[in-house]
């Protein structure tokens, strides 16, 4: 399942680590993480969001997918999404995020 850490910091609880942006974890890991006493507040405050269990990245609306891409720092996950993606706007967002993560597009 996709879980989005909207903060700018790594969260770690119940043996689960969430980096900023999108994270792919199992439902069991989500259950453990979201029920942790400290993380329960973070989830309730909307700083960590689990996308619907039945939804995969390709099932998100283009706007949601692009927002998630812009907040994702996991190159392997971006590459995985890129392989299965057909929407031009989403592919452009993935390419742009990969370029940023690879240090491209900096002031030349």
C-alpha atoms as a PDB file:
ATOM      1  CA  UNK A   1       0.000   0.000   0.000  1.00  0.00           C
ATOM      2  CA  UNK A   2       1.090   3.585  -0.564  1.00  0.00           C
ATOM      3  CA  UNK A   3       1.671   5.754   2.476  1.00  0.00           C
ATOM      4  CA  UNK A   4       2.660   9.398   2.128  1.00  0.00           C
ATOM      5  CA  UNK A   5       4.811  11.069   4.770  1.00  0.00           C
ATOM      6  CA  UNK A   6       4.000  14.742   4.198  1.00  0.00           C
ATOM      7  CA  UNK A   7       6.672  15.944   6.607  1.00  0.00           C
ATOM      8  CA  UNK A   8      10.282  16.778   5.878  1.00  0.00           C
ATOM      9  CA  UNK A   9      11.624  14.192   8.295  1.00  0.00           C
ATOM     10  CA  UNK A  10      11.922  10.430   8.609  1.00  0.00           C
ATOM     11  CA  UNK A  11       9.385   8.750  10.869  1.00  0.00           C
ATOM     12  CA  UNK A  12      10.215   5.478  12.561  1.00  0.00           C
ATOM     13  CA  UNK A  13       7.885   3.421  14.760  1.00  0.00           C
ATOM     14  CA  UNK A  14       6.961  -0.223  15.295  1.00  0.00           C
ATOM     15  CA  UNK A  15       9.813  -1.330  13.054  1.00  0.00           C
ATOM     16  CA  UNK A  16       8.544   0.742  10.108  1.00  0.00           C
ATOM     17  CA  UNK A  17      10.479   3.641   8.617  1.00  0.00           C
ATOM     18  CA  UNK A  18       8.763   6.245   6.438  1.00  0.00           C
ATOM     19  CA  UNK A  19      10.932   8.647   4.481  1.00  0.00           C
ATOM     20  CA  UNK A  20       9.427  11.958   3.337  1.00  0.00           C
ATOM     21  CA  UNK A  21       7.122  11.424   0.385  1.00  0.00           C
ATOM     22  CA  UNK A  22       5.676   8.162  -0.833  1.00  0.00           C
ATOM     23  CA  UNK A  23       6.482   4.850   0.800  1.00  0.00           C
ATOM     24  CA  UNK A  24       5.376   1.371  -0.197  1.00  0.00           C
ATOM     25  CA  UNK A  25       4.641  -0.776   2.849  1.00  0.00           C
ATOM     26  CA  UNK A  26       2.479  -3.779   3.639  1.00  0.00           C
ATOM     27  CA  UNK A  27      -0.937  -3.492   5.238  1.00  0.00           C
ATOM     28  CA  UNK A  28       0.425  -5.210   8.355  1.00  0.00           C
ATOM     29  CA  UNK A  29       3.221  -2.650   8.608  1.00  0.00           C
ATOM     30  CA  UNK A  30       0.684   0.171   8.226  1.00  0.00           C
ATOM     31  CA  UNK A  31      -1.470  -1.322  10.967  1.00  0.00           C
ATOM     32  CA  UNK A  32       1.528  -1.523  13.323  1.00  0.00           C
ATOM     33  CA  UNK A  33       2.771   1.972  12.444  1.00  0.00           C
ATOM     34  CA  UNK A  34      -0.595   3.750  12.613  1.00  0.00           C
ATOM     35  CA  UNK A  35      -1.528   2.133  15.913  1.00  0.00           C
ATOM     36  CA  UNK A  36       1.720   3.194  17.611  1.00  0.00           C
ATOM     37  CA  UNK A  37       0.767   5.710  20.354  1.00  0.00           C
ATOM     38  CA  UNK A  38       2.991   8.526  19.047  1.00  0.00           C
ATOM     39  CA  UNK A  39       2.315   7.937  15.344  1.00  0.00           C
ATOM     40  CA  UNK A  40      -1.439   7.720  15.884  1.00  0.00           C
ATOM     41  CA  UNK A  41      -1.436  11.491  16.489  1.00  0.00           C
ATOM     42  CA  UNK A  42       0.711  12.104  13.406  1.00  0.00           C
ATOM     43  CA  UNK A  43      -1.755  10.084  11.318  1.00  0.00           C
ATOM     44  CA  UNK A  44      -4.770  11.796  12.917  1.00  0.00           C
ATOM     45  CA  UNK A  45      -3.209  15.207  12.164  1.00  0.00           C
ATOM     46  CA  UNK A  46      -2.862  14.264   8.463  1.00  0.00           C
ATOM     47  CA  UNK A  47       0.936  14.374   8.405  1.00  0.00           C
ATOM     48  CA  UNK A  48       0.962  10.747   7.238  1.00  0.00           C
ATOM     49  CA  UNK A  49      -1.698   9.587   4.798  1.00  0.00           C
ATOM     50  CA  UNK A  50      -2.447   6.068   3.648  1.00  0.00           C
ATOM     51  CA  UNK A  51      -3.948   5.923   0.192  1.00  0.00           C
ATOM     52  CA  UNK A  52      -6.924   3.614  -0.131  1.00  0.00           C
ATOM     53  CA  UNK A  53      -5.868   0.000   0.122  1.00  0.00           C
ATOM     54  CA  UNK A  54      -7.432  -0.974  -3.169  1.00  0.00           C
ATOM     55  CA  UNK A  55      -5.743   1.896  -5.005  1.00  0.00           C
ATOM     56  CA  UNK A  56      -2.385   1.593  -6.625  1.00  0.00           C
ATOM     57  CA  UNK A  57      -0.398   4.505  -8.064  1.00  0.00           C
ATOM     58  CA  UNK A  58      -1.920   4.010 -11.513  1.00  0.00           C
ATOM     59  CA  UNK A  59      -5.405   4.272  -9.978  1.00  0.00           C
ATOM     60  CA  UNK A  60      -4.791   7.761  -8.603  1.00  0.00           C
ATOM     61  CA  UNK A  61      -6.149  10.746 -10.512  1.00  0.00           C
ATOM     62  CA  UNK A  62      -3.411  12.479 -12.514  1.00  0.00           C
ATOM     63  CA  UNK A  63      -3.386  15.499 -10.178  1.00  0.00           C
ATOM     64  CA  UNK A  64      -3.026  13.270  -7.080  1.00  0.00           C
ATOM     65  CA  UNK A  65      -0.326  11.218  -8.780  1.00  0.00           C
ATOM     66  CA  UNK A  66       1.662  14.321  -9.746  1.00  0.00           C
ATOM     67  CA  UNK A  67       1.469  15.716  -6.198  1.00  0.00           C
ATOM     68  CA  UNK A  68       2.676  12.390  -4.844  1.00  0.00           C
ATOM     69  CA  UNK A  69       5.533  12.269  -7.375  1.00  0.00           C
ATOM     70  CA  UNK A  70       6.700  15.767  -6.404  1.00  0.00           C
ATOM     71  CA  UNK A  71       6.853  14.638  -2.773  1.00  0.00           C
ATOM     72  CA  UNK A  72       8.680  11.347  -3.452  1.00  0.00           C
ATOM     73  CA  UNK A  73      12.419  10.919  -2.843  1.00  0.00           C
ATOM     74  CA  UNK A  74      12.658   7.180  -3.471  1.00  0.00           C
ATOM     75  CA  UNK A  75      14.277   6.755  -6.906  1.00  0.00           C
ATOM     76  CA  UNK A  76      13.413   3.048  -7.114  1.00  0.00           C
ATOM     77  CA  UNK A  77       9.741   3.783  -6.453  1.00  0.00           C
ATOM     78  CA  UNK A  78       9.705   6.570  -9.054  1.00  0.00           C
ATOM     79  CA  UNK A  79      11.286   4.205 -11.597  1.00  0.00           C
ATOM     80  CA  UNK A  80       8.681   1.563 -10.777  1.00  0.00           C
ATOM     81  CA  UNK A  81       5.857   4.039 -11.338  1.00  0.00           C
ATOM     82  CA  UNK A  82       7.444   5.253 -14.560  1.00  0.00           C
ATOM     83  CA  UNK A  83       7.455   1.747 -16.063  1.00  0.00           C
ATOM     84  CA  UNK A  84       3.717   1.265 -15.623  1.00  0.00           C
ATOM     85  CA  UNK A  85       2.620   4.810 -16.419  1.00  0.00           C
ATOM     86  CA  UNK A  86       0.995   6.006 -19.651  1.00  0.00           C
ATOM     87  CA  UNK A  87      -0.258   9.500 -18.704  1.00  0.00           C
ATOM     88  CA  UNK A  88       2.006  12.129 -20.273  1.00  0.00           C
ATOM     89  CA  UNK A  89       1.639  14.687 -17.481  1.00  0.00           C
ATOM     90  CA  UNK A  90       2.486  12.117 -14.836  1.00  0.00           C
ATOM     91  CA  UNK A  91       5.477  10.841 -16.825  1.00  0.00           C
ATOM     92  CA  UNK A  92       6.739  14.431 -17.155  1.00  0.00           C
ATOM     93  CA  UNK A  93       6.411  14.898 -13.384  1.00  0.00           C
ATOM     94  CA  UNK A  94       8.329  11.660 -12.744  1.00  0.00           C
ATOM     95  CA  UNK A  95      11.084  12.722 -15.166  1.00  0.00           C
ATOM     96  CA  UNK A  96      11.325  16.122 -13.479  1.00  0.00           C
ATOM     97  CA  UNK A  97      11.512  14.614  -9.990  1.00  0.00           C
ATOM     98  CA  UNK A  98      14.154  12.093 -11.071  1.00  0.00           C
ATOM     99  CA  UNK A  99      16.174  14.957 -12.579  1.00  0.00           C
ATOM    100  CA  UNK A 100      15.995  16.866  -9.291  1.00  0.00           C
ATOM    101  CA  UNK A 101      17.045  13.812  -7.296  1.00  0.00           C
ATOM    102  CA  UNK A 102      19.916  13.173  -9.696  1.00  0.00           C
ATOM    103  CA  UNK A 103      21.156  16.785  -9.285  1.00  0.00           C
ATOM    104  CA  UNK A 104      20.159  17.849 -12.766  1.00  0.00           C
ATOM    105  CA  UNK A 105      18.343  21.084 -13.640  1.00  0.00           C
ATOM    106  CA  UNK A 106      20.426  23.050 -11.180  1.00  0.00           C
ATOM    107  CA  UNK A 107      21.666  26.512 -12.090  1.00  0.00           C
ATOM    108  CA  UNK A 108      24.067  25.905 -14.908  1.00  0.00           C
END
